Amino acid sequence: MTSSNHIVDRAVQGAAPFAGISRRGFLAGLGALGASTLLPGCASTGVAPGAPYRIDVHHHFVAPTYSAALKARGQGHIGWSVQKSLEDMDRSGIATSLTSLIQPAMAIGEVETNRRLSREANEYAAKLARDYPGRFGSYATIPFTDTAGALKEIEYALDTLQAEGFCLMTSYSGKYLGDPAFFPVLEELNRRKAIVYVHPLAPQCCAAILPDVSVGTIEYAVDSTRTMASLVFGGGAAKYPDIRWIFSHSGGTTPFLLSRFIRQEQDMKGEAIKRMPNGVMHEYRRFYYETAQGNHPGALDALMRMVPISQVLYGTDFPYRDGAEVNEGLANYRFSASERMAIERGNALRLMPRLKA
């Protein structure tokens, strides 16, 4: 019998190898010089030497009416202000941040309330982009479980507000993103070739298993894996191939469970296997992954054995974490200068070319 390790080795053959090991000390030293320092020899980036250049694809904000709605439900949230965002961006060498509403976004609440809060949050995010040119882009929020409301907000966010994409939670009312109930919305996102950034949420199953460990410590990473598996094994990823998915925290636990997913694929029969005609690795390798809280060697080692550099993006998880943490993690890893520039800027520009302006 073929071992799971050999299966994985064959499946991921051709993934980008670790490169630039000899430059590790150089990159670490560069990080110490200051986060806003531009990597040398990168004139093609179009960024002036010394100017912030990073693009943060995981940066939260809180719209005023959404904050009030959370408080009305008895739910507090982390403090945020645009000034705090800009201060950390400047310290961390971040030129532009893509904003997404803090969780749970529209995963809870009544239909009309969610429609109103989505619209107000999206207009607030668009105003940030107008008020601070070049510093912010946005992922729009949609009332995802309300098909009619979601389709209307997709149209408004893209055609009127010029959002870069959308932010979805990993699950809604116990259903993951690959549930067929959500296919009408995914169909429109696919038609629009939309960028969809996915943020984890506390799952209904496991919110209070360990009283001394917060749900986010373990379950957020696992919930990202659950929703990715639902899209791949449920057929949504193959059925809607033009959605550009971005997943949080270096893919959560997905890279560590890869051999199990490959074995699951081997065990599938009949109609089940038809839902992913290109295979599990094809789908996982075309997703994008951002590095917030997944920038330590263990996470990066696993991720880089699963996907090429082209699928990795820079993310901070501000205001829950800051840019310095990500900068240090990437600088101390074995990336070459060109690979690091791709993660911190180039890949995002390829995905969202309007940010060049």
Foldseek 3Di string as FASTA:
>chain_A
DDDLVVVLCVLLPPFDDQDQQVCLVVLLVVLVVFQQADDPPPVVQVDDGSAQFFEAAAAEDAQPVNQVVCVVVVHHDDDDDVVVVVVLCRRRSHQAYEYDYDPPQLLDDDDVVSLVVQVRVLVVQLVVCVVDPLHYAYAGEFNQLPLVSRVVVVCCSCVPSVGQAHEHEQDHPQHGPLPPSRVSNLVVLLVVLGEYEYFYDQHPVDQPPDVVDGSCVQPRLVSLVVNLCSCQQSLVCVVRVSYAYEYEALNRCCLVCVSVQQVVLVPDDDPRVVSHVPDDLVSVQRHAYEHANQLAPVSVVSSSSRYHLLRYAYHHNPPVGGSSVNSSSNSNDSHDPVSVCCRRHVSVCVSRVVSSD
